C-alpha atoms as a PDB file:
ATOM      1  CA  MET A   1      -0.193   0.011  -0.305  1.00  0.00           C
ATOM      2  CA  GLY A   2       1.442   3.535  -0.743  1.00  0.00           C
ATOM      3  CA  MET A   3       1.570   6.125   1.345  1.00  0.00           C
ATOM      4  CA  SER A   4      -0.175   6.013   4.653  1.00  0.00           C
ATOM      5  CA  GLN A   5      -3.051   8.044   6.094  1.00  0.00           C
ATOM      6  CA  SER A   6      -2.204   7.989   9.673  1.00  0.00           C
ATOM      7  CA  GLY A   7      -4.119  10.621  11.005  1.00  0.00           C
ATOM      8  CA  LYS A   8      -6.550  11.333   8.382  1.00  0.00           C
ATOM      9  CA  VAL A   9     -10.081  11.084   8.946  1.00  0.00           C
ATOM     10  CA  ALA A  10     -12.705   9.659   6.497  1.00  0.00           C
ATOM     11  CA  VAL A  11     -16.496   9.287   6.109  1.00  0.00           C
ATOM     12  CA  VAL A  12     -17.697   6.464   3.713  1.00  0.00           C
ATOM     13  CA  THR A  13     -21.502   6.610   2.804  1.00  0.00           C
ATOM     14  CA  GLY A  14     -22.809   3.488   1.681  1.00  0.00           C
ATOM     15  CA  SER A  15     -19.845   1.394   3.180  1.00  0.00           C
ATOM     16  CA  THR A  16     -21.388  -1.888   4.525  1.00  0.00           C
ATOM     17  CA  LYS A  17     -20.535  -4.059   1.045  1.00  0.00           C
ATOM     18  CA  GLY A  18     -19.524  -3.713  -2.317  1.00  0.00           C
ATOM     19  CA  ILE A  19     -17.174  -0.534  -3.857  1.00  0.00           C
ATOM     20  CA  GLY A  20     -18.012   1.507  -0.348  1.00  0.00           C
ATOM     21  CA  PHE A  21     -16.792  -1.151   2.215  1.00  0.00           C
ATOM     22  CA  CYS A  22     -13.547  -1.853  -0.104  1.00  0.00           C
ATOM     23  CA  ILE A  23     -12.636   1.889   0.039  1.00  0.00           C
ATOM     24  CA  ALA A  24     -13.393   2.050   3.766  1.00  0.00           C
ATOM     25  CA  GLU A  25     -11.319  -1.250   4.503  1.00  0.00           C
ATOM     26  CA  ALA A  26      -8.452   0.374   2.141  1.00  0.00           C
ATOM     27  CA  LEU A  27      -8.560   3.712   4.434  1.00  0.00           C
ATOM     28  CA  VAL A  28      -8.446   1.878   7.773  1.00  0.00           C
ATOM     29  CA  GLN A  29      -5.753  -0.356   6.026  1.00  0.00           C
ATOM     30  CA  ALA A  30      -3.792   2.556   5.239  1.00  0.00           C
ATOM     31  CA  GLY A  31      -3.815   3.587   8.762  1.00  0.00           C
ATOM     32  CA  ALA A  32      -7.506   6.111   8.798  1.00  0.00           C
ATOM     33  CA  SER A  33      -9.637   6.508  11.270  1.00  0.00           C
ATOM     34  CA  VAL A  34     -12.752   5.964   8.999  1.00  0.00           C
ATOM     35  CA  THR A  35     -16.903   6.139   9.707  1.00  0.00           C
ATOM     36  CA  VAL A  36     -18.832   3.275   8.011  1.00  0.00           C
ATOM     37  CA  SER A  37     -22.477   4.563   7.077  1.00  0.00           C
ATOM     38  CA  ALA A  38     -25.389   2.758   5.599  1.00  0.00           C
ATOM     39  CA  ARG A  39     -29.276   2.829   6.365  1.00  0.00           C
ATOM     40  CA  ASN A  40     -29.149  -0.584   8.016  1.00  0.00           C
ATOM     41  CA  ALA A  41     -27.757  -0.671  11.826  1.00  0.00           C
ATOM     42  CA  GLU A  42     -26.601  -4.038  12.003  1.00  0.00           C
ATOM     43  CA  GLU A  43     -24.947  -4.418   8.915  1.00  0.00           C
ATOM     44  CA  VAL A  44     -23.068  -0.595  10.047  1.00  0.00           C
ATOM     45  CA  SER A  45     -22.368  -2.267  13.299  1.00  0.00           C
ATOM     46  CA  ALA A  46     -20.833  -5.644  11.739  1.00  0.00           C
ATOM     47  CA  ALA A  47     -19.003  -3.616   9.070  1.00  0.00           C
ATOM     48  CA  ALA A  48     -17.342  -1.278  11.573  1.00  0.00           C
ATOM     49  CA  VAL A  49     -16.325  -4.716  13.836  1.00  0.00           C
ATOM     50  CA  ARG A  50     -14.708  -6.101  10.707  1.00  0.00           C
ATOM     51  CA  LEU A  51     -12.360  -2.757  10.010  1.00  0.00           C
ATOM     52  CA  ASP A  52     -11.944  -2.294  13.711  1.00  0.00           C
ATOM     53  CA  ALA A  53     -10.312  -5.848  13.870  1.00  0.00           C
ATOM     54  CA  LEU A  54      -7.582  -5.102  11.070  1.00  0.00           C
ATOM     55  CA  GLU A  55      -5.976  -2.788  14.141  1.00  0.00           C
ATOM     56  CA  THR A  56      -4.186  -0.240  11.487  1.00  0.00           C
ATOM     57  CA  GLY A  57      -6.405   2.254  11.756  1.00  0.00           C
ATOM     58  CA  ARG A  58      -9.883   3.031  13.406  1.00  0.00           C
ATOM     59  CA  ALA A  59     -13.568   2.635  12.500  1.00  0.00           C
ATOM     60  CA  LEU A  60     -16.913   3.878  13.955  1.00  0.00           C
ATOM     61  CA  GLY A  61     -20.162   2.827  12.570  1.00  0.00           C
ATOM     62  CA  VAL A  62     -23.365   5.497  12.352  1.00  0.00           C
ATOM     63  CA  SER A  63     -26.202   3.930  10.508  1.00  0.00           C
ATOM     64  CA  CYS A  64     -27.470   7.080   8.199  1.00  0.00           C
ATOM     65  CA  ASP A  65     -30.303   7.474   5.395  1.00  0.00           C
ATOM     66  CA  VAL A  66     -28.487  10.271   3.138  1.00  0.00           C
ATOM     67  CA  ARG A  67     -31.715  11.383   2.020  1.00  0.00           C
ATOM     68  CA  ARG A  68     -32.425  12.919   5.445  1.00  0.00           C
ATOM     69  CA  PRO A  69     -30.691  16.229   6.084  1.00  0.00           C
ATOM     70  CA  ALA A  70     -30.683  15.632   9.813  1.00  0.00           C
ATOM     71  CA  ALA A  71     -29.033  12.332   9.628  1.00  0.00           C
ATOM     72  CA  VAL A  72     -26.619  12.950   7.594  1.00  0.00           C
ATOM     73  CA  ALA A  73     -25.631  15.797  10.091  1.00  0.00           C
ATOM     74  CA  GLU A  74     -25.635  13.669  12.673  1.00  0.00           C
ATOM     75  CA  LEU A  75     -23.496  11.223  10.945  1.00  0.00           C
ATOM     76  CA  ILE A  76     -20.794  14.304  10.498  1.00  0.00           C
ATOM     77  CA  ARG A  77     -21.122  15.297  13.852  1.00  0.00           C
ATOM     78  CA  ARG A  78     -20.434  12.122  15.556  1.00  0.00           C
ATOM     79  CA  THR A  79     -17.712  11.427  12.803  1.00  0.00           C
ATOM     80  CA  VAL A  80     -16.020  14.676  14.381  1.00  0.00           C
ATOM     81  CA  ALA A  81     -16.815  13.903  18.186  1.00  0.00           C
ATOM     82  CA  GLU A  82     -15.195  10.638  18.057  1.00  0.00           C
ATOM     83  CA  PHE A  83     -11.766  11.391  16.059  1.00  0.00           C
ATOM     84  CA  GLY A  84     -11.457  15.188  16.506  1.00  0.00           C
ATOM     85  CA  GLY A  85     -12.043  16.362  12.600  1.00  0.00           C
ATOM     86  CA  LEU A  86     -13.016  15.587   9.209  1.00  0.00           C
ATOM     87  CA  ASP A  87     -10.015  14.969   5.962  1.00  0.00           C
ATOM     88  CA  ILE A  88     -11.796  13.301   3.593  1.00  0.00           C
ATOM     89  CA  LEU A  89     -15.334  12.535   2.534  1.00  0.00           C
ATOM     90  CA  VAL A  90     -16.449   9.859  -0.162  1.00  0.00           C
ATOM     91  CA  ASN A  91     -19.958   9.843  -1.434  1.00  0.00           C
ATOM     92  CA  ASN A  92     -20.747   6.541  -2.688  1.00  0.00           C
ATOM     93  CA  ALA A  93     -23.965   5.914  -1.310  1.00  0.00           C
ATOM     94  CA  GLY A  94     -26.518   4.853  -4.540  1.00  0.00           C
ATOM     95  CA  VAL A  95     -29.253   2.908  -6.010  1.00  0.00           C
ATOM     96  CA  GLY A  96     -30.389   1.988  -9.361  1.00  0.00           C
ATOM     97  CA  HIS A  97     -33.750   1.126 -10.380  1.00  0.00           C
ATOM     98  CA  PHE A  98     -34.561   0.368 -14.439  1.00  0.00           C
ATOM     99  CA  SER A  99     -37.697   0.369 -16.506  1.00  0.00           C
ATOM    100  CA  PRO A 100     -38.801   3.092 -19.084  1.00  0.00           C
ATOM    101  CA  VAL A 101     -40.276   6.397 -17.895  1.00  0.00           C
ATOM    102  CA  ALA A 102     -43.810   5.235 -18.534  1.00  0.00           C
ATOM    103  CA  GLU A 103     -43.462   2.422 -15.846  1.00  0.00           C
ATOM    104  CA  LEU A 104     -41.139   4.072 -13.286  1.00  0.00           C
ATOM    105  CA  PRO A 105     -42.845   4.319 -10.471  1.00  0.00           C
ATOM    106  CA  VAL A 106     -42.419   7.861  -8.311  1.00  0.00           C
ATOM    107  CA  GLU A 107     -41.182   6.304  -5.416  1.00  0.00           C
ATOM    108  CA  HIS A 108     -38.357   4.703  -7.342  1.00  0.00           C
ATOM    109  CA  TRP A 109     -37.386   8.187  -9.383  1.00  0.00           C
ATOM    110  CA  GLN A 110     -37.681   9.781  -5.824  1.00  0.00           C
ATOM    111  CA  GLN A 111     -35.035   7.376  -4.554  1.00  0.00           C
ATOM    112  CA  MET A 112     -32.583   7.664  -7.143  1.00  0.00           C
ATOM    113  CA  ILE A 113     -32.736  11.446  -6.931  1.00  0.00           C
ATOM    114  CA  GLU A 114     -32.752  12.187  -3.303  1.00  0.00           C
ATOM    115  CA  THR A 115     -30.081   9.274  -2.684  1.00  0.00           C
ATOM    116  CA  ASN A 116     -27.341   9.437  -5.694  1.00  0.00           C
ATOM    117  CA  LEU A 117     -27.541  13.185  -5.852  1.00  0.00           C
ATOM    118  CA  SER A 118     -29.352  15.040  -2.824  1.00  0.00           C
ATOM    119  CA  GLY A 119     -27.257  12.670  -0.256  1.00  0.00           C
ATOM    120  CA  ALA A 120     -24.310  13.843  -2.061  1.00  0.00           C
ATOM    121  CA  PHE A 121     -25.415  17.318  -1.804  1.00  0.00           C
ATOM    122  CA  TYR A 122     -26.547  16.880   2.250  1.00  0.00           C
ATOM    123  CA  CYS A 123     -23.072  15.373   3.008  1.00  0.00           C
ATOM    124  CA  CYS A 124     -21.017  17.581   1.667  1.00  0.00           C
ATOM    125  CA  ARG A 125     -22.954  20.733   2.801  1.00  0.00           C
ATOM    126  CA  GLU A 126     -22.407  19.365   6.438  1.00  0.00           C
ATOM    127  CA  ALA A 127     -18.642  18.567   5.580  1.00  0.00           C
ATOM    128  CA  ILE A 128     -17.011  21.268   3.918  1.00  0.00           C
ATOM    129  CA  PRO A 129     -16.820  23.424   7.283  1.00  0.00           C
ATOM    130  CA  HIS A 130     -14.879  20.616   8.783  1.00  0.00           C
ATOM    131  CA  LEU A 131     -13.094  20.076   5.765  1.00  0.00           C
ATOM    132  CA  ARG A 132     -11.845  23.951   5.814  1.00  0.00           C
ATOM    133  CA  ARG A 133     -10.860  23.548   9.474  1.00  0.00           C
ATOM    134  CA  ARG A 134      -8.370  21.153   8.784  1.00  0.00           C
ATOM    135  CA  GLY A 135      -6.781  23.546   6.052  1.00  0.00           C
ATOM    136  CA  GLY A 136      -8.402  21.875   3.102  1.00  0.00           C
ATOM    137  CA  GLY A 137      -9.160  17.735   2.353  1.00  0.00           C
ATOM    138  CA  TRP A 138     -10.531  15.853   0.022  1.00  0.00           C
ATOM    139  CA  ILE A 139     -14.398  14.842  -1.650  1.00  0.00           C
ATOM    140  CA  ILE A 140     -14.797  11.795  -4.090  1.00  0.00           C
ATOM    141  CA  ASN A 141     -17.980  11.658  -5.843  1.00  0.00           C
ATOM    142  CA  ILE A 142     -18.694   7.963  -7.280  1.00  0.00           C
ATOM    143  CA  ALA A 143     -20.608   8.640  -9.909  1.00  0.00           C
ATOM    144  CA  SER A 144     -20.660   6.072 -12.921  1.00  0.00           C
ATOM    145  CA  LEU A 145     -20.426   6.161 -16.527  1.00  0.00           C
ATOM    146  CA  ALA A 146     -24.036   6.325 -16.408  1.00  0.00           C
ATOM    147  CA  GLY A 147     -23.047   9.941 -15.443  1.00  0.00           C
ATOM    148  CA  LYS A 148     -22.579  10.602 -19.413  1.00  0.00           C
ATOM    149  CA  ASN A 149     -23.164   7.717 -21.089  1.00  0.00           C
ATOM    150  CA  PRO A 150     -27.845   7.354 -21.574  1.00  0.00           C
ATOM    151  CA  LEU A 151     -28.524   3.348 -21.470  1.00  0.00           C
ATOM    152  CA  ALA A 152     -32.288   2.831 -21.990  1.00  0.00           C
ATOM    153  CA  GLY A 153     -34.547   2.209 -19.322  1.00  0.00           C
ATOM    154  CA  GLY A 154     -31.808   4.271 -17.343  1.00  0.00           C
ATOM    155  CA  THR A 155     -33.914   8.075 -17.223  1.00  0.00           C
ATOM    156  CA  GLY A 156     -33.844   7.971 -13.331  1.00  0.00           C
ATOM    157  CA  TYR A 157     -30.528   7.067 -12.713  1.00  0.00           C
ATOM    158  CA  ASN A 158     -28.791   8.756 -15.758  1.00  0.00           C
ATOM    159  CA  ALA A 159     -30.473  11.980 -14.185  1.00  0.00           C
ATOM    160  CA  SER A 160     -29.074  11.533 -10.861  1.00  0.00           C
ATOM    161  CA  LYS A 161     -25.653  10.414 -11.915  1.00  0.00           C
ATOM    162  CA  PHE A 162     -25.010  13.188 -14.623  1.00  0.00           C
ATOM    163  CA  GLY A 163     -26.287  15.553 -11.957  1.00  0.00           C
ATOM    164  CA  LEU A 164     -24.038  14.217  -9.523  1.00  0.00           C
ATOM    165  CA  VAL A 165     -21.095  14.649 -12.302  1.00  0.00           C
ATOM    166  CA  GLY A 166     -22.237  18.102 -12.846  1.00  0.00           C
ATOM    167  CA  PHE A 167     -22.470  18.973  -9.006  1.00  0.00           C
ATOM    168  CA  SER A 168     -18.967  17.893  -8.374  1.00  0.00           C
ATOM    169  CA  GLU A 169     -17.178  19.690 -11.335  1.00  0.00           C
ATOM    170  CA  ALA A 170     -19.472  22.787  -9.908  1.00  0.00           C
ATOM    171  CA  LEU A 171     -18.234  21.730  -6.526  1.00  0.00           C
ATOM    172  CA  LEU A 172     -14.976  21.449  -7.348  1.00  0.00           C
ATOM    173  CA  LEU A 173     -14.858  25.739  -8.347  1.00  0.00           C
ATOM    174  CA  ASP A 174     -16.796  26.461  -5.470  1.00  0.00           C
ATOM    175  CA  VAL A 175     -13.695  25.082  -2.732  1.00  0.00           C
ATOM    176  CA  ARG A 176     -11.009  24.664  -4.498  1.00  0.00           C
ATOM    177  CA  ASN A 177      -9.342  28.212  -2.981  1.00  0.00           C
ATOM    178  CA  ASP A 178     -10.419  26.133   0.212  1.00  0.00           C
ATOM    179  CA  ASN A 179      -7.594  23.523  -0.566  1.00  0.00           C
ATOM    180  CA  ILE A 180     -10.101  21.314  -1.003  1.00  0.00           C
ATOM    181  CA  ARG A 181     -10.105  19.123  -3.773  1.00  0.00           C
ATOM    182  CA  VAL A 182     -12.751  17.311  -5.696  1.00  0.00           C
ATOM    183  CA  SER A 183     -12.785  14.022  -7.705  1.00  0.00           C
ATOM    184  CA  CYS A 184     -15.433  12.392  -9.297  1.00  0.00           C
ATOM    185  CA  LEU A 185     -15.113   8.964 -10.290  1.00  0.00           C
ATOM    186  CA  MET A 186     -16.985   7.042 -13.031  1.00  0.00           C
ATOM    187  CA  PRO A 187     -16.776   3.451 -12.998  1.00  0.00           C
ATOM    188  CA  GLY A 188     -18.434   0.906 -15.947  1.00  0.00           C
ATOM    189  CA  SER A 189     -19.508  -2.471 -15.010  1.00  0.00           C
ATOM    190  CA  VAL A 190     -18.322  -3.301 -11.176  1.00  0.00           C
ATOM    191  CA  ALA A 191     -18.742  -6.824  -9.608  1.00  0.00           C
ATOM    192  CA  THR A 192     -21.079  -5.636  -6.457  1.00  0.00           C
ATOM    193  CA  HIS A 193     -24.307  -6.178  -5.173  1.00  0.00           C
ATOM    194  CA  PHE A 194     -25.373  -3.228  -6.975  1.00  0.00           C
ATOM    195  CA  ASN A 195     -29.191  -3.351  -7.846  1.00  0.00           C
ATOM    196  CA  ASP A 196     -29.800  -6.977  -6.367  1.00  0.00           C
ATOM    197  CA  HIS A 197     -27.249  -8.731  -8.333  1.00  0.00           C
ATOM    198  CA  THR A 198     -25.153 -11.142  -6.769  1.00  0.00           C
ATOM    199  CA  PRO A 199     -21.578 -11.468  -7.937  1.00  0.00           C
ATOM    200  CA  SER A 200     -19.823 -14.563  -9.198  1.00  0.00           C
ATOM    201  CA  ASP A 201     -17.212 -15.959 -11.597  1.00  0.00           C
ATOM    202  CA  ALA A 202     -19.062 -14.692 -14.425  1.00  0.00           C
ATOM    203  CA  ASP A 203     -18.415 -11.524 -13.223  1.00  0.00           C
ATOM    204  CA  ALA A 204     -14.539 -11.892 -13.340  1.00  0.00           C
ATOM    205  CA  TRP A 205     -14.365  -9.797 -16.053  1.00  0.00           C
ATOM    206  CA  LYS A 206     -15.556  -6.653 -14.565  1.00  0.00           C
ATOM    207  CA  ILE A 207     -14.000  -4.149 -12.124  1.00  0.00           C
ATOM    208  CA  GLN A 208     -13.761  -5.148  -8.501  1.00  0.00           C
ATOM    209  CA  PRO A 209     -14.703  -3.182  -5.833  1.00  0.00           C
ATOM    210  CA  GLU A 210     -11.067  -3.628  -4.436  1.00  0.00           C
ATOM    211  CA  ASP A 211      -9.834  -1.820  -7.687  1.00  0.00           C
ATOM    212  CA  ILE A 212     -12.025   0.966  -7.448  1.00  0.00           C
ATOM    213  CA  ALA A 213     -10.546   1.287  -3.533  1.00  0.00           C
ATOM    214  CA  GLY A 214      -6.796   1.489  -4.828  1.00  0.00           C
ATOM    215  CA  VAL A 215      -7.851   4.356  -7.194  1.00  0.00           C
ATOM    216  CA  VAL A 216      -9.068   5.987  -4.471  1.00  0.00           C
ATOM    217  CA  LEU A 217      -6.066   5.791  -2.293  1.00  0.00           C
ATOM    218  CA  ASN A 218      -3.963   6.008  -5.167  1.00  0.00           C
ATOM    219  CA  LEU A 219      -5.897   9.829  -5.490  1.00  0.00           C
ATOM    220  CA  LEU A 220      -5.392  11.026  -2.442  1.00  0.00           C
ATOM    221  CA  GLU A 221      -1.495  10.474  -2.896  1.00  0.00           C
ATOM    222  CA  VAL A 222      -1.529  13.325  -6.301  1.00  0.00           C
ATOM    223  CA  PRO A 223       0.563  15.994  -5.284  1.00  0.00           C
ATOM    224  CA  GLY A 224      -1.593  18.860  -3.817  1.00  0.00           C
ATOM    225  CA  ARG A 225      -1.183  21.241  -6.726  1.00  0.00           C
ATOM    226  CA  THR A 226      -2.997  18.836  -8.996  1.00  0.00           C
ATOM    227  CA  MET A 227      -6.531  17.906  -9.055  1.00  0.00           C
ATOM    228  CA  PRO A 228      -7.982  14.355 -10.767  1.00  0.00           C
ATOM    229  CA  SER A 229     -11.062  15.818 -11.288  1.00  0.00           C
ATOM    230  CA  ARG A 230     -13.034  13.642 -13.584  1.00  0.00           C
ATOM    231  CA  VAL A 231     -11.889   9.622 -13.607  1.00  0.00           C
ATOM    232  CA  GLU A 232     -13.077   7.109 -15.820  1.00  0.00           C
ATOM    233  CA  LEU A 233     -13.161   3.457 -15.327  1.00  0.00           C
ATOM    234  CA  ARG A 234     -13.658   0.736 -17.897  1.00  0.00           C
ATOM    235  CA  PRO A 235     -13.187  -3.196 -17.529  1.00  0.00           C
ATOM    236  CA  THR A 236     -10.280  -4.026 -19.795  1.00  0.00           C
ATOM    237  CA  ARG A 237     -11.381  -6.647 -21.643  1.00  0.00           C
ATOM    238  CA  PRO A 238     -15.583  -7.385 -21.642  1.00  0.00           C
ATOM    239  CA  PRO A 239     -16.927 -10.010 -23.250  1.00  0.00           C
ATOM    240  CA  ARG A 240     -16.801  -9.370 -27.155  1.00  0.00           C
ATOM    241  CA  ARG A 241     -20.895  -9.310 -28.139  1.00  0.00           C
ATOM    242  CA  GLU A 242     -21.751 -11.985 -30.742  1.00  0.00           C
ATOM    243  CA  GLY A 243     -22.848 -11.104 -33.741  1.00  0.00           C
END
């Protein structure tokens, strides 16, 4: 593992499994103190216990629905109270439902926009004053290649992720003079539990969650004068399409 993140404090949303857990794990392994968070309190506690057992960094579990601004405020408050500050925010909580507009339930639309887009806004809004207090920091938003590539049945998901990309790039302009760097990661196909999928050997060609965690750790090592603002990630060798 590269540079130590010892002394750094991070919040990772949606971090009980998949990409979020791997990012939290990589940060703890690098010596950081990390708050893991998701809606399910039992899963949050279990993830925090697993990470604390690594004994390289520290882990705190705080259950949080990022769609609720008050819950997000409490997530950040508890992190700062426990660890003394905040240096890194990773907005990873995300949800996807896929169907044509005429069949897309209103609740599904609202869930995607509120989780994938508004949730990132609420987290950034609460975190930025604390990052400023530390003299700077890093916000990493996990978007998707669906943030630039439309897909049939993806209106809600595309809208949320296109929005997150635009939000990230405008946020960057807001906070760059505070020494806060903003990166937007845009992965393609990842082997995760996303959208009720169960990863299997058939997913071996996909980006693995630990690969994204590695990219996050590498970003944190980029010299302070340089900001990788948008990082697109694709599987190197996807299966060939027949026909």
